[in-house]
Amino acid sequence: MTFYTYHYLTTQHSTWQYVRIGLLIALLVVFIGLFAYYLRHQWNVKYKDLSVITATLLLLVLGLQINSLVSLQSASKQTGQITATVQQVAHHLKVKPAKVSVNATTTGTDLLVKSPKGFYRLVFSSDGASFVLEKITLENPQIKLVKE
């Protein structure tokens, strides 16, 4: 069974986004450089072709980035819900949120919580606004903790 720490839930999406933005900026700089070189030397057609290829790659990466941003926004909302739930559970158990781990990255049914005080099951109400926290005992727990 896999449990995710509070730190993992709050930082899981940020690093990959920075890599994509860096790639986008690098492609933009290469495109501008090639296009400017082509404008200076219009007789050399290879720079025009290279700038067209770079512009195509730039548009492709930009389209993927926009698609990724839409899914990231949805995932961020769900991650915000689960981190708020972890904070509430930590408050009820009187521990720090960093010591609490959950077995899912989104809120839903059958959510298990691991804390220094033991394992708990979270049962949400039908509207999802409140929950019941009940202590459980796991048989043969094989726990994998994902920290980062």
N, C-alpha and C. Protein backbone atom coordinates (compact mmCIF):
# COMPACT_ATOMS: atom_id res chain seq x y z
N MET A 1 0.85 -1.17 0.00
CA MET A 1 0.00 0.00 0.00
C MET A 1 0.89 1.24 0.00
N THR A 2 0.57 2.18 -0.83
CA THR A 2 1.38 3.38 -0.99
C THR A 2 0.74 4.54 -0.24
N PHE A 3 1.55 5.23 0.56
CA PHE A 3 1.11 6.43 1.27
C PHE A 3 1.95 7.60 0.79
N TYR A 4 1.31 8.77 0.68
CA TYR A 4 1.96 9.98 0.20
C TYR A 4 2.06 10.98 1.34
N THR A 5 3.25 11.56 1.52
CA THR A 5 3.45 12.52 2.59
C THR A 5 2.84 13.87 2.21
N TYR A 6 2.68 14.70 3.21
CA TYR A 6 2.15 16.04 3.01
C TYR A 6 3.08 16.85 2.10
N HIS A 7 4.37 16.69 2.28
CA HIS A 7 5.34 17.40 1.45
C HIS A 7 5.20 16.99 -0.02
N TYR A 8 5.03 15.71 -0.28
CA TYR A 8 4.86 15.24 -1.65
C TYR A 8 3.58 15.83 -2.27
N LEU A 9 2.52 15.88 -1.50
CA LEU A 9 1.24 16.39 -2.02
C LEU A 9 1.32 17.87 -2.35
N THR A 10 2.13 18.61 -1.64
CA THR A 10 2.19 20.05 -1.88
C THR A 10 3.19 20.43 -2.96
N THR A 11 4.14 19.53 -3.32
CA THR A 11 5.17 19.91 -4.29
C THR A 11 5.25 18.99 -5.50
N GLN A 12 4.32 18.10 -5.69
CA GLN A 12 4.47 17.08 -6.73
C GLN A 12 4.42 17.59 -8.15
N HIS A 13 3.80 18.73 -8.43
CA HIS A 13 3.62 19.17 -9.82
C HIS A 13 4.59 20.27 -10.25
N SER A 14 5.28 20.86 -9.33
CA SER A 14 6.01 22.08 -9.67
C SER A 14 7.28 21.84 -10.49
N THR A 15 8.07 20.82 -10.22
CA THR A 15 9.36 20.68 -10.88
C THR A 15 9.22 20.40 -12.38
N TRP A 16 8.29 19.56 -12.77
CA TRP A 16 8.12 19.24 -14.20
C TRP A 16 7.66 20.47 -14.96
N GLN A 17 6.87 21.30 -14.36
CA GLN A 17 6.40 22.51 -15.02
C GLN A 17 7.57 23.45 -15.31
N TYR A 18 8.51 23.55 -14.39
CA TYR A 18 9.67 24.42 -14.61
C TYR A 18 10.52 23.92 -15.79
N VAL A 19 10.64 22.62 -15.94
CA VAL A 19 11.40 22.06 -17.06
C VAL A 19 10.71 22.40 -18.38
N ARG A 20 9.40 22.28 -18.43
CA ARG A 20 8.67 22.60 -19.66
C ARG A 20 8.76 24.07 -20.01
N ILE A 21 8.66 24.93 -19.01
CA ILE A 21 8.77 26.37 -19.26
C ILE A 21 10.18 26.71 -19.74
N GLY A 22 11.19 26.07 -19.15
CA GLY A 22 12.58 26.28 -19.60
C GLY A 22 12.78 25.86 -21.04
N LEU A 23 12.20 24.71 -21.42
CA LEU A 23 12.28 24.25 -22.81
C LEU A 23 11.59 25.23 -23.76
N LEU A 24 10.46 25.74 -23.35
CA LEU A 24 9.73 26.71 -24.16
C LEU A 24 10.54 27.98 -24.37
N ILE A 25 11.17 28.47 -23.32
CA ILE A 25 11.98 29.68 -23.43
C ILE A 25 13.21 29.43 -24.30
N ALA A 26 13.84 28.26 -24.15
CA ALA A 26 15.01 27.93 -24.98
C ALA A 26 14.64 27.86 -26.45
N LEU A 27 13.51 27.23 -26.77
CA LEU A 27 13.06 27.17 -28.16
C LEU A 27 12.75 28.55 -28.71
N LEU A 28 12.17 29.41 -27.89
CA LEU A 28 11.86 30.77 -28.31
C LEU A 28 13.14 31.55 -28.62
N VAL A 29 14.15 31.41 -27.78
CA VAL A 29 15.42 32.10 -28.01
C VAL A 29 16.09 31.60 -29.29
N VAL A 30 16.07 30.27 -29.50
CA VAL A 30 16.66 29.71 -30.72
C VAL A 30 15.90 30.21 -31.96
N PHE A 31 14.58 30.23 -31.87
CA PHE A 31 13.77 30.71 -33.00
C PHE A 31 14.10 32.16 -33.32
N ILE A 32 14.14 33.01 -32.32
CA ILE A 32 14.43 34.43 -32.56
C ILE A 32 15.83 34.60 -33.14
N GLY A 33 16.79 33.84 -32.63
CA GLY A 33 18.15 33.93 -33.16
C GLY A 33 18.24 33.50 -34.61
N LEU A 34 17.62 32.37 -34.94
CA LEU A 34 17.65 31.88 -36.32
C LEU A 34 16.90 32.81 -37.26
N PHE A 35 15.77 33.33 -36.81
CA PHE A 35 14.99 34.22 -37.67
C PHE A 35 15.74 35.53 -37.90
N ALA A 36 16.38 36.06 -36.85
CA ALA A 36 17.16 37.30 -37.01
C ALA A 36 18.34 37.08 -37.95
N TYR A 37 18.98 35.92 -37.83
CA TYR A 37 20.10 35.62 -38.72
C TYR A 37 19.62 35.48 -40.17
N TYR A 38 18.44 34.89 -40.33
CA TYR A 38 17.87 34.78 -41.69
C TYR A 38 17.57 36.16 -42.26
N LEU A 39 17.01 37.06 -41.46
CA LEU A 39 16.68 38.40 -41.95
C LEU A 39 17.93 39.17 -42.36
N ARG A 40 19.06 38.92 -41.68
CA ARG A 40 20.30 39.59 -42.04
C ARG A 40 20.91 39.02 -43.31
N HIS A 41 20.76 37.71 -43.48
CA HIS A 41 21.35 37.03 -44.64
C HIS A 41 20.24 36.31 -45.39
N GLN A 42 19.46 37.05 -46.13
CA GLN A 42 18.30 36.45 -46.80
C GLN A 42 18.69 35.52 -47.93
N TRP A 43 19.87 35.56 -48.38
CA TRP A 43 20.31 34.66 -49.44
C TRP A 43 20.54 33.25 -48.92
N ASN A 44 20.73 33.09 -47.61
CA ASN A 44 20.99 31.77 -47.02
C ASN A 44 19.67 31.17 -46.54
N VAL A 45 19.10 30.28 -47.33
CA VAL A 45 17.76 29.75 -47.09
C VAL A 45 17.74 28.73 -45.94
N LYS A 46 18.88 28.15 -45.60
CA LYS A 46 18.87 27.12 -44.56
C LYS A 46 18.43 27.69 -43.21
N TYR A 47 18.73 28.96 -42.94
CA TYR A 47 18.30 29.56 -41.68
C TYR A 47 16.81 29.80 -41.66
N LYS A 48 16.24 30.05 -42.83
CA LYS A 48 14.78 30.17 -42.92
C LYS A 48 14.14 28.82 -42.61
N ASP A 49 14.68 27.76 -43.18
CA ASP A 49 14.15 26.42 -42.93
C ASP A 49 14.31 26.02 -41.46
N LEU A 50 15.47 26.33 -40.90
CA LEU A 50 15.68 26.01 -39.48
C LEU A 50 14.75 26.81 -38.57
N SER A 51 14.49 28.07 -38.93
CA SER A 51 13.58 28.86 -38.12
C SER A 51 12.14 28.36 -38.25
N VAL A 52 11.75 27.87 -39.43
CA VAL A 52 10.41 27.29 -39.61
C VAL A 52 10.28 26.02 -38.78
N ILE A 53 11.32 25.17 -38.80
CA ILE A 53 11.30 23.94 -37.99
C ILE A 53 11.23 24.28 -36.51
N THR A 54 12.02 25.25 -36.07
CA THR A 54 12.01 25.67 -34.66
C THR A 54 10.66 26.26 -34.28
N ALA A 55 10.07 27.05 -35.17
CA ALA A 55 8.74 27.62 -34.89
C ALA A 55 7.70 26.52 -34.76
N THR A 56 7.80 25.48 -35.60
CA THR A 56 6.87 24.36 -35.50
C THR A 56 7.03 23.64 -34.17
N LEU A 57 8.29 23.39 -33.78
CA LEU A 57 8.53 22.78 -32.47
C LEU A 57 8.03 23.66 -31.33
N LEU A 58 8.23 24.95 -31.48
CA LEU A 58 7.77 25.89 -30.47
C LEU A 58 6.26 25.84 -30.32
N LEU A 59 5.54 25.81 -31.42
CA LEU A 59 4.08 25.72 -31.37
C LEU A 59 3.62 24.39 -30.78
N LEU A 60 4.32 23.32 -31.10
CA LEU A 60 3.98 22.01 -30.55
C LEU A 60 4.16 21.99 -29.04
N VAL A 61 5.30 22.46 -28.57
CA VAL A 61 5.56 22.50 -27.12
C VAL A 61 4.58 23.45 -26.43
N LEU A 62 4.26 24.56 -27.07
CA LEU A 62 3.30 25.51 -26.50
C LEU A 62 1.92 24.87 -26.37
N GLY A 63 1.50 24.12 -27.40
CA GLY A 63 0.22 23.41 -27.33
C GLY A 63 0.21 22.38 -26.23
N LEU A 64 1.31 21.64 -26.08
CA LEU A 64 1.40 20.67 -24.99
C LEU A 64 1.39 21.36 -23.63
N GLN A 65 2.04 22.50 -23.55
CA GLN A 65 2.09 23.25 -22.29
C GLN A 65 0.70 23.75 -21.91
N ILE A 66 -0.05 24.24 -22.87
CA ILE A 66 -1.40 24.72 -22.58
C ILE A 66 -2.28 23.57 -22.12
N ASN A 67 -2.18 22.43 -22.81
CA ASN A 67 -2.93 21.25 -22.41
C ASN A 67 -2.52 20.81 -21.01
N SER A 68 -1.24 20.84 -20.73
CA SER A 68 -0.74 20.45 -19.42
C SER A 68 -1.20 21.42 -18.34
N LEU A 69 -1.26 22.71 -18.68
CA LEU A 69 -1.71 23.70 -17.69
C LEU A 69 -3.17 23.48 -17.30
N VAL A 70 -3.98 23.08 -18.27
CA VAL A 70 -5.39 22.81 -17.98
C VAL A 70 -5.51 21.62 -17.02
N SER A 71 -4.76 20.55 -17.32
CA SER A 71 -4.81 19.38 -16.44
C SER A 71 -4.14 19.67 -15.10
N LEU A 72 -3.10 20.52 -15.11
CA LEU A 72 -2.45 20.90 -13.86
C LEU A 72 -3.39 21.71 -12.97
N GLN A 73 -4.19 22.56 -13.58
CA GLN A 73 -5.14 23.35 -12.81
C GLN A 73 -6.15 22.44 -12.12
N SER A 74 -6.63 21.45 -12.82
CA SER A 74 -7.55 20.48 -12.23
C SER A 74 -6.88 19.69 -11.13
N ALA A 75 -5.65 19.23 -11.38
CA ALA A 75 -4.92 18.47 -10.37
C ALA A 75 -4.59 19.33 -9.16
N SER A 76 -4.31 20.61 -9.38
CA SER A 76 -4.01 21.51 -8.26
C SER A 76 -5.22 21.70 -7.37
N LYS A 77 -6.40 21.78 -7.97
CA LYS A 77 -7.62 21.89 -7.17
C LYS A 77 -7.81 20.65 -6.32
N GLN A 78 -7.61 19.48 -6.93
CA GLN A 78 -7.76 18.24 -6.19
C GLN A 78 -6.68 18.10 -5.12
N THR A 79 -5.46 18.51 -5.44
CA THR A 79 -4.38 18.46 -4.45
C THR A 79 -4.67 19.43 -3.32
N GLY A 80 -5.23 20.59 -3.65
CA GLY A 80 -5.62 21.54 -2.61
C GLY A 80 -6.65 20.96 -1.68
N GLN A 81 -7.58 20.17 -2.22
CA GLN A 81 -8.59 19.53 -1.38
C GLN A 81 -7.96 18.50 -0.46
N ILE A 82 -7.05 17.69 -0.98
CA ILE A 82 -6.45 16.64 -0.16
C ILE A 82 -5.51 17.24 0.88
N THR A 83 -4.79 18.31 0.53
CA THR A 83 -3.91 18.93 1.53
C THR A 83 -4.72 19.61 2.63
N ALA A 84 -5.85 20.19 2.27
CA ALA A 84 -6.72 20.76 3.31
C ALA A 84 -7.27 19.66 4.22
N THR A 85 -7.59 18.52 3.64
CA THR A 85 -8.06 17.39 4.43
C THR A 85 -6.96 16.89 5.36
N VAL A 86 -5.73 16.81 4.85
CA VAL A 86 -4.60 16.38 5.68
C VAL A 86 -4.39 17.36 6.83
N GLN A 87 -4.51 18.65 6.56
CA GLN A 87 -4.37 19.65 7.62
C GLN A 87 -5.45 19.49 8.68
N GLN A 88 -6.69 19.24 8.26
CA GLN A 88 -7.78 19.03 9.21
C GLN A 88 -7.56 17.78 10.05
N VAL A 89 -7.13 16.70 9.41
CA VAL A 89 -6.86 15.45 10.13
C VAL A 89 -5.74 15.66 11.13
N ALA A 90 -4.68 16.35 10.72
CA ALA A 90 -3.55 16.63 11.62
C ALA A 90 -4.02 17.46 12.81
N HIS A 91 -4.91 18.40 12.58
CA HIS A 91 -5.44 19.21 13.67
C HIS A 91 -6.24 18.35 14.64
N HIS A 92 -7.08 17.45 14.11
CA HIS A 92 -7.88 16.57 14.97
C HIS A 92 -7.00 15.61 15.77
N LEU A 93 -5.92 15.14 15.16
CA LEU A 93 -5.03 14.19 15.84
C LEU A 93 -3.97 14.90 16.68
N LYS A 94 -3.92 16.21 16.58
CA LYS A 94 -2.96 17.04 17.30
C LYS A 94 -1.52 16.66 16.96
N VAL A 95 -1.27 16.54 15.66
CA VAL A 95 0.09 16.32 15.13
C VAL A 95 0.33 17.32 14.01
N LYS A 96 1.57 17.45 13.61
CA LYS A 96 1.89 18.34 12.49
C LYS A 96 1.47 17.68 11.18
N PRO A 97 1.05 18.47 10.19
CA PRO A 97 0.68 17.89 8.89
C PRO A 97 1.81 17.12 8.23
N ALA A 98 3.05 17.48 8.50
CA ALA A 98 4.19 16.78 7.90
C ALA A 98 4.30 15.33 8.40
N LYS A 99 3.68 15.02 9.52
CA LYS A 99 3.73 13.66 10.07
C LYS A 99 2.58 12.79 9.59
N VAL A 100 1.67 13.36 8.80
CA VAL A 100 0.49 12.64 8.32
C VAL A 100 0.68 12.26 6.86
N SER A 101 0.34 11.02 6.52
CA SER A 101 0.40 10.54 5.14
C SER A 101 -0.95 9.96 4.76
N VAL A 102 -1.30 10.05 3.49
CA VAL A 102 -2.56 9.49 3.00
C VAL A 102 -2.28 8.54 1.84
N ASN A 103 -3.23 7.66 1.56
CA ASN A 103 -3.01 6.64 0.52
C ASN A 103 -3.54 7.04 -0.85
N ALA A 104 -3.85 8.31 -1.05
CA ALA A 104 -4.33 8.78 -2.35
C ALA A 104 -3.92 10.24 -2.52
N THR A 105 -3.87 10.67 -3.77
CA THR A 105 -3.52 12.07 -4.05
C THR A 105 -4.74 12.93 -4.29
N THR A 106 -5.92 12.33 -4.27
CA THR A 106 -7.17 13.07 -4.41
C THR A 106 -8.14 12.59 -3.35
N THR A 107 -9.07 13.45 -3.01
CA THR A 107 -10.08 13.04 -2.04
C THR A 107 -11.07 12.09 -2.69
N GLY A 108 -11.58 11.20 -1.92
CA GLY A 108 -12.53 10.23 -2.44
C GLY A 108 -12.91 9.26 -1.34
N THR A 109 -13.54 8.19 -1.72
CA THR A 109 -13.94 7.20 -0.73
C THR A 109 -12.76 6.33 -0.34
N ASP A 110 -12.86 5.70 0.81
CA ASP A 110 -11.85 4.78 1.32
C ASP A 110 -10.46 5.40 1.40
N LEU A 111 -10.39 6.54 2.00
CA LEU A 111 -9.11 7.22 2.19
C LEU A 111 -8.53 6.77 3.53
N LEU A 112 -7.29 6.28 3.49
CA LEU A 112 -6.61 5.84 4.71
C LEU A 112 -5.55 6.86 5.09
N VAL A 113 -5.37 7.04 6.39
CA VAL A 113 -4.43 8.02 6.91
C VAL A 113 -3.44 7.31 7.82
N LYS A 114 -2.17 7.62 7.64
CA LYS A 114 -1.12 7.08 8.50
C LYS A 114 -0.55 8.24 9.30
N SER A 115 -0.53 8.08 10.60
CA SER A 115 0.03 9.11 11.47
C SER A 115 0.87 8.41 12.55
N PRO A 116 1.61 9.17 13.34
CA PRO A 116 2.36 8.54 14.43
C PRO A 116 1.45 7.86 15.45
N LYS A 117 0.19 8.23 15.49
CA LYS A 117 -0.75 7.63 16.44
C LYS A 117 -1.43 6.39 15.89
N GLY A 118 -1.14 6.01 14.65
CA GLY A 118 -1.72 4.81 14.07
C GLY A 118 -2.35 5.07 12.71
N PHE A 119 -3.14 4.09 12.27
CA PHE A 119 -3.82 4.19 10.99
C PHE A 119 -5.28 4.56 11.22
N TYR A 120 -5.81 5.41 10.33
CA TYR A 120 -7.19 5.87 10.43
C TYR A 120 -7.85 5.77 9.07
N ARG A 121 -9.16 5.60 9.10
CA ARG A 121 -9.94 5.62 7.87
C ARG A 121 -10.79 6.88 7.88
N LEU A 122 -10.81 7.55 6.75
CA LEU A 122 -11.61 8.76 6.59
C LEU A 122 -12.88 8.40 5.83
N VAL A 123 -14.01 8.67 6.43
CA VAL A 123 -15.29 8.43 5.77
C VAL A 123 -15.95 9.80 5.60
N PHE A 124 -16.10 10.20 4.35
CA PHE A 124 -16.69 11.51 4.06
C PHE A 124 -18.21 11.42 4.07
N SER A 125 -18.84 12.55 4.40
CA SER A 125 -20.30 12.63 4.32
C SER A 125 -20.72 12.65 2.85
N SER A 126 -22.01 12.55 2.62
CA SER A 126 -22.50 12.50 1.23
C SER A 126 -22.19 13.78 0.46
N ASP A 127 -22.16 14.93 1.13
CA ASP A 127 -21.84 16.17 0.43
C ASP A 127 -20.33 16.47 0.41
N GLY A 128 -19.53 15.69 1.12
CA GLY A 128 -18.09 15.85 1.12
C GLY A 128 -17.58 16.98 1.98
N ALA A 129 -18.47 17.64 2.73
CA ALA A 129 -18.07 18.78 3.53
C ALA A 129 -17.49 18.37 4.89
N SER A 130 -17.83 17.20 5.38
CA SER A 130 -17.35 16.75 6.67
C SER A 130 -16.92 15.28 6.57
N PHE A 131 -16.23 14.83 7.59
CA PHE A 131 -15.76 13.45 7.56
C PHE A 131 -15.74 12.87 8.97
N VAL A 132 -15.70 11.55 9.02
CA VAL A 132 -15.55 10.82 10.27
C VAL A 132 -14.17 10.16 10.22
N LEU A 133 -13.46 10.27 11.32
CA LEU A 133 -12.12 9.71 11.41
C LEU A 133 -12.18 8.55 12.39
N GLU A 134 -11.95 7.33 11.89
CA GLU A 134 -12.02 6.18 12.78
C GLU A 134 -10.71 5.40 12.74
N LYS A 135 -10.26 4.99 13.93
CA LYS A 135 -9.00 4.26 14.04
C LYS A 135 -9.20 2.83 13.57
N ILE A 136 -8.22 2.34 12.79
CA ILE A 136 -8.30 0.98 12.27
C ILE A 136 -6.98 0.26 12.53
N THR A 137 -7.02 -1.04 12.37
CA THR A 137 -5.81 -1.86 12.45
C THR A 137 -5.65 -2.57 11.12
N LEU A 138 -4.48 -2.42 10.52
CA LEU A 138 -4.21 -3.06 9.23
C LEU A 138 -3.59 -4.43 9.46
N GLU A 139 -4.05 -5.42 8.73
CA GLU A 139 -3.48 -6.76 8.76
C GLU A 139 -2.34 -6.81 7.75
N ASN A 140 -1.18 -7.22 8.16
CA ASN A 140 0.01 -7.34 7.31
C ASN A 140 0.25 -6.08 6.47
N PRO A 141 0.44 -4.95 7.11
CA PRO A 141 0.64 -3.72 6.33
C PRO A 141 2.01 -3.72 5.65
N GLN A 142 1.99 -3.62 4.34
CA GLN A 142 3.23 -3.44 3.56
C GLN A 142 3.18 -2.03 3.00
N ILE A 143 3.77 -1.13 3.75
CA ILE A 143 3.65 0.30 3.46
C ILE A 143 4.83 0.78 2.65
N LYS A 144 4.52 1.50 1.58
CA LYS A 144 5.54 2.21 0.80
C LYS A 144 5.23 3.70 0.95
N LEU A 145 6.19 4.44 1.48
CA LEU A 145 5.98 5.86 1.74
C LEU A 145 6.66 6.68 0.65
N VAL A 146 5.87 7.48 -0.06
CA VAL A 146 6.39 8.34 -1.13
C VAL A 146 6.58 9.73 -0.53
N LYS A 147 7.87 10.13 -0.42
CA LYS A 147 8.17 11.42 0.21
C LYS A 147 8.35 12.53 -0.80
N GLU A 148 8.99 12.25 -1.93
CA GLU A 148 9.23 13.29 -2.94
C GLU A 148 9.14 12.71 -4.32
